[in-house]
Amino acid sequence: MADLADMQAKLKNLSDSYAAQLPEKIRQIEQAWSQLPPDEWDEEGFQTLHRMVHSLTGSGKTFGFALLSDVARKLEEHLKQIVWVKAAPDEAQRKRIHVLLSELRQVVSHRDTSTGDQA
């Protein structure tokens, strides 16, 4: 039984460490987005942004943050469509990205103020 308790404590520490890094991860994603030109295609910039969000999608689920992962997945899918077309996003696409980034921030800030483990 001590091994199980030890393993649970280690997993909680990993989850807590991951949660502590989330505000910075979101800040980096927002910074990458803000650096993209609004009316020009920047393949490298969009690929980088897509990878960052993709990483958050996978890691969120891994560390038990299902809601974070779900919101990141929505943003990832939206970005994937833009990357596939290889064209600067139109106004509607840009607004959708802003909404999803806002949702990511809310999920992370809710996690900071809640007592639950889910973000």
C-alpha atoms as a PDB file:
ATOM      1  CA  MET A   1       0.000   0.000   0.000  1.00  0.00           C
ATOM      2  CA  ALA A   2       2.912   2.341   0.674  1.00  0.00           C
ATOM      3  CA  ASP A   3       3.987   1.986  -2.966  1.00  0.00           C
ATOM      4  CA  LEU A   4       0.558   3.070  -4.187  1.00  0.00           C
ATOM      5  CA  ALA A   5       0.535   6.082  -1.867  1.00  0.00           C
ATOM      6  CA  ASP A   6       4.050   6.983  -2.983  1.00  0.00           C
ATOM      7  CA  MET A   7       3.062   6.703  -6.647  1.00  0.00           C
ATOM      8  CA  GLN A   8      -0.051   8.854  -6.078  1.00  0.00           C
ATOM      9  CA  ALA A   9       2.059  11.488  -4.330  1.00  0.00           C
ATOM     10  CA  LYS A  10       4.534  11.536  -7.218  1.00  0.00           C
ATOM     11  CA  LEU A  11       1.731  11.861  -9.762  1.00  0.00           C
ATOM     12  CA  LYS A  12       0.204  14.719  -7.766  1.00  0.00           C
ATOM     13  CA  ASN A  13       3.581  16.471  -7.683  1.00  0.00           C
ATOM     14  CA  LEU A  14       3.919  16.089 -11.455  1.00  0.00           C
ATOM     15  CA  SER A  15       0.400  17.410 -11.973  1.00  0.00           C
ATOM     16  CA  ASP A  16       1.035  20.361  -9.642  1.00  0.00           C
ATOM     17  CA  SER A  17       4.283  21.153 -11.435  1.00  0.00           C
ATOM     18  CA  TYR A  18       2.506  21.019 -14.790  1.00  0.00           C
ATOM     19  CA  ALA A  19      -0.264  23.301 -13.491  1.00  0.00           C
ATOM     20  CA  ALA A  20       2.299  25.815 -12.269  1.00  0.00           C
ATOM     21  CA  GLN A  21       3.739  26.027 -15.804  1.00  0.00           C
ATOM     22  CA  LEU A  22       0.380  26.540 -17.527  1.00  0.00           C
ATOM     23  CA  PRO A  23       0.173  30.351 -17.250  1.00  0.00           C
ATOM     24  CA  GLU A  24       3.581  30.653 -18.926  1.00  0.00           C
ATOM     25  CA  LYS A  25       2.631  28.172 -21.647  1.00  0.00           C
ATOM     26  CA  ILE A  26      -0.514  30.166 -22.409  1.00  0.00           C
ATOM     27  CA  ARG A  27       1.499  33.397 -22.421  1.00  0.00           C
ATOM     28  CA  GLN A  28       3.933  31.896 -24.947  1.00  0.00           C
ATOM     29  CA  ILE A  29       1.076  30.757 -27.187  1.00  0.00           C
ATOM     30  CA  GLU A  30      -0.509  34.206 -27.031  1.00  0.00           C
ATOM     31  CA  GLN A  31       2.843  35.817 -27.788  1.00  0.00           C
ATOM     32  CA  ALA A  32       3.367  33.563 -30.810  1.00  0.00           C
ATOM     33  CA  TRP A  33      -0.117  34.493 -32.038  1.00  0.00           C
ATOM     34  CA  SER A  34       0.437  38.223 -31.514  1.00  0.00           C
ATOM     35  CA  GLN A  35       3.664  38.127 -33.527  1.00  0.00           C
ATOM     36  CA  LEU A  36       1.981  36.741 -36.636  1.00  0.00           C
ATOM     37  CA  PRO A  37       1.228  39.323 -39.318  1.00  0.00           C
ATOM     38  CA  PRO A  38      -2.539  39.869 -39.569  1.00  0.00           C
ATOM     39  CA  ASP A  39      -2.745  40.018 -43.363  1.00  0.00           C
ATOM     40  CA  GLU A  40       0.136  37.832 -44.557  1.00  0.00           C
ATOM     41  CA  TRP A  41       0.805  34.113 -44.516  1.00  0.00           C
ATOM     42  CA  ASP A  42       3.683  33.175 -42.207  1.00  0.00           C
ATOM     43  CA  GLU A  43       4.083  29.429 -42.559  1.00  0.00           C
ATOM     44  CA  GLU A  44       6.841  29.054 -39.986  1.00  0.00           C
ATOM     45  CA  GLY A  45       4.949  31.178 -37.458  1.00  0.00           C
ATOM     46  CA  PHE A  46       1.697  29.277 -37.902  1.00  0.00           C
ATOM     47  CA  GLN A  47       3.490  25.917 -37.781  1.00  0.00           C
ATOM     48  CA  THR A  48       5.148  26.976 -34.519  1.00  0.00           C
ATOM     49  CA  LEU A  49       1.851  28.149 -33.046  1.00  0.00           C
ATOM     50  CA  HIS A  50       0.122  24.939 -34.135  1.00  0.00           C
ATOM     51  CA  ARG A  51       2.864  22.791 -32.532  1.00  0.00           C
ATOM     52  CA  MET A  52       2.647  24.726 -29.267  1.00  0.00           C
ATOM     53  CA  VAL A  53      -1.111  24.220 -29.072  1.00  0.00           C
ATOM     54  CA  HIS A  54      -0.796  20.574 -30.148  1.00  0.00           C
ATOM     55  CA  SER A  55       1.649  20.006 -27.298  1.00  0.00           C
ATOM     56  CA  LEU A  56      -0.780  21.557 -24.832  1.00  0.00           C
ATOM     57  CA  THR A  57      -3.584  19.343 -26.159  1.00  0.00           C
ATOM     58  CA  GLY A  58      -1.620  16.160 -25.469  1.00  0.00           C
ATOM     59  CA  SER A  59       0.045  17.172 -22.240  1.00  0.00           C
ATOM     60  CA  GLY A  60      -3.192  18.476 -20.745  1.00  0.00           C
ATOM     61  CA  LYS A  61      -4.866  15.100 -21.039  1.00  0.00           C
ATOM     62  CA  THR A  62      -1.734  13.308 -19.839  1.00  0.00           C
ATOM     63  CA  PHE A  63      -1.624  15.302 -16.607  1.00  0.00           C
ATOM     64  CA  GLY A  64      -5.359  15.082 -15.922  1.00  0.00           C
ATOM     65  CA  PHE A  65      -6.485  18.442 -17.286  1.00  0.00           C
ATOM     66  CA  ALA A  66      -9.250  17.244 -19.577  1.00  0.00           C
ATOM     67  CA  LEU A  67     -11.006  20.595 -19.996  1.00  0.00           C
ATOM     68  CA  LEU A  68      -7.754  22.332 -20.899  1.00  0.00           C
ATOM     69  CA  SER A  69      -7.024  19.594 -23.405  1.00  0.00           C
ATOM     70  CA  ASP A  70     -10.503  19.903 -24.941  1.00  0.00           C
ATOM     71  CA  VAL A  71     -10.228  23.660 -25.440  1.00  0.00           C
ATOM     72  CA  ALA A  72      -6.680  23.327 -26.795  1.00  0.00           C
ATOM     73  CA  ARG A  73      -7.915  20.655 -29.215  1.00  0.00           C
ATOM     74  CA  LYS A  74     -10.554  23.038 -30.578  1.00  0.00           C
ATOM     75  CA  LEU A  75      -7.872  25.670 -31.138  1.00  0.00           C
ATOM     76  CA  GLU A  76      -5.518  23.097 -32.629  1.00  0.00           C
ATOM     77  CA  GLU A  77      -8.157  21.957 -35.136  1.00  0.00           C
ATOM     78  CA  HIS A  78      -8.898  25.530 -36.116  1.00  0.00           C
ATOM     79  CA  LEU A  79      -5.198  26.271 -36.620  1.00  0.00           C
ATOM     80  CA  LYS A  80      -4.737  23.031 -38.553  1.00  0.00           C
ATOM     81  CA  GLN A  81      -7.308  24.187 -41.103  1.00  0.00           C
ATOM     82  CA  ILE A  82      -5.490  27.491 -41.539  1.00  0.00           C
ATOM     83  CA  VAL A  83      -2.101  25.787 -41.878  1.00  0.00           C
ATOM     84  CA  TRP A  84      -3.535  23.351 -44.412  1.00  0.00           C
ATOM     85  CA  VAL A  85      -4.873  26.175 -46.624  1.00  0.00           C
ATOM     86  CA  LYS A  86      -1.635  28.163 -46.193  1.00  0.00           C
ATOM     87  CA  ALA A  87      -3.353  31.525 -46.201  1.00  0.00           C
ATOM     88  CA  ALA A  88      -3.570  34.288 -43.639  1.00  0.00           C
ATOM     89  CA  PRO A  89      -6.692  33.844 -41.528  1.00  0.00           C
ATOM     90  CA  ASP A  90      -9.678  35.993 -42.384  1.00  0.00           C
ATOM     91  CA  GLU A  91     -11.443  38.157 -39.815  1.00  0.00           C
ATOM     92  CA  ALA A  92     -13.828  35.377 -38.702  1.00  0.00           C
ATOM     93  CA  GLN A  93     -10.942  32.939 -38.234  1.00  0.00           C
ATOM     94  CA  ARG A  94      -8.959  35.533 -36.269  1.00  0.00           C
ATOM     95  CA  LYS A  95     -11.950  36.190 -34.007  1.00  0.00           C
ATOM     96  CA  ARG A  96     -12.346  32.441 -33.407  1.00  0.00           C
ATOM     97  CA  ILE A  97      -8.670  32.188 -32.442  1.00  0.00           C
ATOM     98  CA  HIS A  98      -9.098  35.086 -29.988  1.00  0.00           C
ATOM     99  CA  VAL A  99     -12.158  33.420 -28.449  1.00  0.00           C
ATOM    100  CA  LEU A 100     -10.349  30.102 -28.040  1.00  0.00           C
ATOM    101  CA  LEU A 101      -7.264  31.773 -26.558  1.00  0.00           C
ATOM    102  CA  SER A 102      -9.554  33.527 -24.100  1.00  0.00           C
ATOM    103  CA  GLU A 103     -11.134  30.182 -23.196  1.00  0.00           C
ATOM    104  CA  LEU A 104      -7.668  28.720 -22.570  1.00  0.00           C
ATOM    105  CA  ARG A 105      -6.833  31.621 -20.241  1.00  0.00           C
ATOM    106  CA  GLN A 106     -10.125  31.160 -18.393  1.00  0.00           C
ATOM    107  CA  VAL A 107      -9.545  27.432 -17.934  1.00  0.00           C
ATOM    108  CA  VAL A 108      -6.074  28.071 -16.518  1.00  0.00           C
ATOM    109  CA  SER A 109      -7.181  30.934 -14.267  1.00  0.00           C
ATOM    110  CA  HIS A 110     -10.154  28.877 -13.043  1.00  0.00           C
ATOM    111  CA  ARG A 111      -7.737  26.105 -12.130  1.00  0.00           C
ATOM    112  CA  ASP A 112      -5.657  28.592 -10.122  1.00  0.00           C
ATOM    113  CA  THR A 113      -8.656  29.655  -8.055  1.00  0.00           C
ATOM    114  CA  SER A 114     -10.439  26.318  -7.714  1.00  0.00           C
ATOM    115  CA  THR A 115      -9.796  23.518  -5.290  1.00  0.00           C
ATOM    116  CA  GLY A 116     -10.342  20.772  -7.843  1.00  0.00           C
ATOM    117  CA  ASP A 117      -7.654  19.008  -9.805  1.00  0.00           C
ATOM    118  CA  GLN A 118      -9.210  19.625 -13.206  1.00  0.00           C
ATOM    119  CA  ALA A 119      -8.212  22.595 -15.305  1.00  0.00           C
END
